[in-house]
Amino acid sequence: MAEKRLSKGERTRLAVLENAYKLFLEQGYAATSMRQIASQAGLALGGIYNHFESKEAIFSELINTKHPYQQILPVLLKTPTEDMETFVRQAARAMVDELGKRPDFIKLMLIEMVEFNGRNMPNMLKQVLPQVLPLIGKFNTQNLRSIPPFVLFRAFLGLFFSYYMTELLLANTPAALMSDNALDHFVEIFLHGILATKEPA
């Protein structure tokens, strides 16, 4: 099947997005100007405003188009759910592996948090939620405690995203302080908590 041919306007819009993306990652959002983006995209400054009303509008679109959920969600949805423990172990590994392929995402999210206080997240969630609902449903099909499925899903994302982030931050930590199977321990914490089971008296 032949690929759809892009119009000149669509090609220009993509060029703006790709060059803005590179500049944001290289020098940060605040240090990047619309003039720089236009120049890198081969446009006059006025030309960029035919496609985006502001630098923030460019960043908002990048958050949606570059977010790794497009890669992560299909992997998680394909993870078998015969039992919750197997699902969590496989899904956690899949999520961490996919995040590892997208180090740029961390920079984008830091910009989103620092520069925008998360303003773009509600709009992105509206787009993502229909695709996420089947995955949330997986947390509602097992014999689990009466915790709302969306809360369980948030806890899953938060815990294993924090695992990935702390792995990055602790990369140069002495080996004696690190654990080869840290992800397994995170899975245990998610599934069973941190309190040891009390032996019957």
Protein backbone atom coordinates (compact mmCIF):
# COMPACT_ATOMS: atom_id res chain seq x y z
CA MET A 1 0.00 0.00 0.00
CA ALA A 2 1.47 3.36 -1.08
CA GLU A 3 2.22 5.86 1.64
CA LYS A 4 0.10 8.99 1.73
CA ARG A 5 1.88 11.90 0.08
CA LEU A 6 2.15 14.89 2.37
CA SER A 7 1.18 18.35 1.22
CA LYS A 8 3.72 21.15 1.31
CA GLY A 9 2.02 22.57 4.40
CA GLU A 10 2.15 19.20 6.18
CA ARG A 11 5.84 18.78 5.34
CA THR A 12 6.57 22.28 6.65
CA ARG A 13 4.64 21.58 9.86
CA LEU A 14 6.63 18.37 10.41
CA ALA A 15 9.90 20.22 9.76
CA VAL A 16 8.95 22.78 12.41
CA LEU A 17 8.12 20.06 14.93
CA GLU A 18 11.27 18.01 14.30
CA ASN A 19 13.59 21.01 14.48
CA ALA A 20 11.89 22.41 17.57
CA TYR A 21 12.19 18.97 19.16
CA LYS A 22 15.94 18.85 18.52
CA LEU A 23 16.45 22.37 19.84
CA PHE A 24 14.38 21.77 22.97
CA LEU A 25 16.43 18.67 23.77
CA GLU A 26 19.77 20.30 22.99
CA GLN A 27 19.38 23.66 24.71
CA GLY A 28 16.12 23.55 26.66
CA TYR A 29 12.73 25.14 26.13
CA ALA A 30 13.43 28.59 27.58
CA ALA A 31 16.66 29.02 25.61
CA THR A 32 15.00 28.15 22.29
CA SER A 33 13.37 30.96 20.34
CA MET A 34 10.80 30.87 17.56
CA ARG A 35 13.41 32.55 15.36
CA GLN A 36 15.81 29.65 15.93
CA ILE A 37 13.11 27.09 15.18
CA ALA A 38 12.13 28.88 11.99
CA SER A 39 15.74 29.15 10.88
CA GLN A 40 16.42 25.47 11.51
CA ALA A 41 13.26 24.54 9.61
CA GLY A 42 14.24 26.75 6.66
CA LEU A 43 11.46 29.27 7.20
CA ALA A 44 11.21 32.99 7.63
CA LEU A 45 10.13 33.90 11.15
CA GLY A 46 6.70 35.00 9.93
CA GLY A 47 6.22 31.69 8.13
CA ILE A 48 6.28 29.63 11.30
CA TYR A 49 3.20 31.44 12.59
CA ASN A 50 1.19 30.09 9.67
CA HIS A 51 1.46 26.70 11.37
CA PHE A 52 1.81 27.39 15.12
CA GLU A 53 0.59 30.38 17.08
CA SER A 54 3.33 30.11 19.68
CA LYS A 55 6.30 28.15 20.97
CA GLU A 56 4.02 26.64 23.61
CA ALA A 57 1.70 25.33 20.88
CA ILE A 58 4.68 23.58 19.29
CA PHE A 59 5.68 22.02 22.59
CA SER A 60 2.10 20.91 23.31
CA GLU A 61 1.98 19.03 20.03
CA LEU A 62 5.39 17.47 20.68
CA ILE A 63 4.27 16.15 24.07
CA ASN A 64 1.45 14.32 22.28
CA THR A 65 3.39 13.07 19.27
CA LYS A 66 6.64 12.13 21.05
CA HIS A 67 5.16 10.58 24.17
CA PRO A 68 6.21 6.90 24.33
CA TYR A 69 2.72 5.67 25.20
CA GLN A 70 2.34 4.83 21.50
CA GLN A 71 5.04 2.19 21.98
CA ILE A 72 4.37 1.23 25.60
CA LEU A 73 0.59 0.69 25.51
CA PRO A 74 0.57 -1.93 22.71
CA VAL A 75 3.28 -3.88 24.55
CA LEU A 76 1.37 -3.77 27.83
CA LEU A 77 -1.91 -4.72 26.14
CA LYS A 78 -0.25 -7.82 24.64
CA THR A 79 1.07 -8.94 28.03
CA PRO A 80 -0.77 -12.12 29.13
CA THR A 81 -2.98 -11.84 32.21
CA GLU A 82 -3.40 -15.46 33.32
CA ASP A 83 -2.43 -14.29 36.79
CA MET A 84 -1.70 -10.82 38.14
CA GLU A 85 1.81 -11.61 39.38
CA THR A 86 2.98 -12.79 35.95
CA PHE A 87 1.27 -9.85 34.27
CA VAL A 88 2.89 -7.28 36.58
CA ARG A 89 6.35 -8.83 36.19
CA GLN A 90 6.16 -8.92 32.40
CA ALA A 91 4.43 -5.55 32.06
CA ALA A 92 6.96 -3.84 34.36
CA ARG A 93 9.87 -5.22 32.36
CA ALA A 94 8.21 -4.21 29.07
CA MET A 95 7.55 -0.67 30.32
CA VAL A 96 11.10 -0.19 31.62
CA ASP A 97 12.57 -1.59 28.39
CA GLU A 98 10.49 0.77 26.25
CA LEU A 99 11.40 3.78 28.40
CA GLY A 100 15.04 2.82 27.98
CA LYS A 101 14.64 3.25 24.22
CA ARG A 102 13.34 6.81 24.70
CA PRO A 103 15.75 8.82 26.89
CA ASP A 104 14.46 11.96 25.17
CA PHE A 105 11.11 11.45 26.87
CA ILE A 106 12.59 12.24 30.27
CA LYS A 107 13.81 15.63 29.00
CA LEU A 108 10.40 16.40 27.51
CA MET A 109 8.65 15.51 30.77
CA LEU A 110 11.06 17.63 32.81
CA ILE A 111 10.31 20.59 30.52
CA GLU A 112 6.59 19.89 30.93
CA MET A 113 6.88 19.85 34.73
CA VAL A 114 9.28 22.79 35.15
CA GLU A 115 8.09 25.15 32.42
CA PHE A 116 4.38 24.31 32.28
CA ASN A 117 3.49 22.80 35.68
CA GLY A 118 1.86 19.88 33.86
CA ARG A 119 -0.59 22.04 31.88
CA ASN A 120 -0.38 19.81 28.80
CA MET A 121 -1.14 16.57 30.63
CA PRO A 122 -4.97 16.87 30.81
CA ASN A 123 -5.19 17.34 27.05
CA MET A 124 -2.85 14.44 26.42
CA LEU A 125 -4.81 12.25 28.83
CA LYS A 126 -8.01 12.92 26.85
CA GLN A 127 -6.30 11.53 23.78
CA VAL A 128 -4.68 8.59 25.56
CA LEU A 129 -7.52 7.50 27.85
CA PRO A 130 -9.54 5.56 25.23
CA GLN A 131 -6.42 3.49 24.51
CA VAL A 132 -5.64 3.09 28.21
CA LEU A 133 -9.08 1.86 29.30
CA PRO A 134 -8.54 -1.75 28.11
CA LEU A 135 -5.28 -1.82 30.05
CA ILE A 136 -6.93 -0.41 33.18
CA GLY A 137 -9.46 -3.23 32.77
CA LYS A 138 -6.67 -5.75 33.27
CA PHE A 139 -6.38 -4.47 36.83
CA ASN A 140 -10.06 -5.25 37.36
CA THR A 141 -10.07 -8.89 36.26
CA GLN A 142 -8.21 -10.51 39.13
CA ASN A 143 -8.92 -11.29 42.77
CA LEU A 144 -7.48 -8.03 44.08
CA ARG A 145 -8.12 -5.78 47.03
CA SER A 146 -10.97 -3.30 46.57
CA ILE A 147 -8.79 -0.53 45.14
CA PRO A 148 -10.18 1.37 42.12
CA PRO A 149 -8.58 -0.02 38.92
CA PHE A 150 -7.42 3.42 37.76
CA VAL A 151 -5.63 3.95 41.09
CA LEU A 152 -3.90 0.58 40.69
CA PHE A 153 -2.91 1.56 37.16
CA ARG A 154 -1.53 4.92 38.38
CA ALA A 155 0.41 3.13 41.12
CA PHE A 156 1.84 0.72 38.54
CA LEU A 157 2.96 3.54 36.23
CA GLY A 158 4.30 5.65 39.08
CA LEU A 159 6.28 2.88 40.75
CA PHE A 160 7.95 1.56 37.63
CA PHE A 161 8.56 5.01 36.18
CA SER A 162 10.30 5.87 39.46
CA TYR A 163 12.35 2.68 39.12
CA TYR A 164 13.50 3.81 35.67
CA MET A 165 14.26 7.35 36.85
CA THR A 166 16.23 6.22 39.90
CA GLU A 167 18.21 3.77 37.75
CA LEU A 168 19.27 6.75 35.63
CA LEU A 169 20.10 8.91 38.65
CA LEU A 170 22.03 6.15 40.42
CA ALA A 171 23.94 4.91 37.37
CA ASN A 172 27.31 5.90 38.88
CA THR A 173 26.53 4.68 42.38
CA PRO A 174 29.02 2.15 43.85
CA ALA A 175 28.06 -1.38 42.87
CA ALA A 176 27.87 -2.45 46.53
CA LEU A 177 24.81 -0.21 46.98
CA MET A 178 23.01 -1.44 43.88
CA SER A 179 21.00 -4.61 43.37
CA ASP A 180 21.09 -6.74 40.23
CA ASN A 181 17.45 -7.63 40.67
CA ALA A 182 16.10 -4.28 41.83
CA LEU A 183 13.19 -4.46 39.38
CA ASP A 184 12.07 -7.74 40.93
CA HIS A 185 12.05 -6.05 44.33
CA PHE A 186 9.91 -3.20 42.93
CA VAL A 187 7.49 -5.82 41.60
CA GLU A 188 7.37 -7.44 45.06
CA ILE A 189 6.64 -4.05 46.63
CA PHE A 190 3.85 -3.39 44.14
CA LEU A 191 2.28 -6.82 44.63
CA HIS A 192 2.86 -7.43 48.34
CA GLY A 193 3.92 -4.16 49.99
CA ILE A 194 6.90 -3.81 52.32
CA LEU A 195 5.61 -5.23 55.61
CA ALA A 196 6.77 -8.72 56.47
CA THR A 197 3.96 -11.22 57.01
CA LYS A 198 3.49 -11.83 60.70
CA GLU A 199 3.81 -15.42 61.81
CA PRO A 200 0.78 -16.73 63.72
CA ALA A 201 1.31 -16.55 67.49
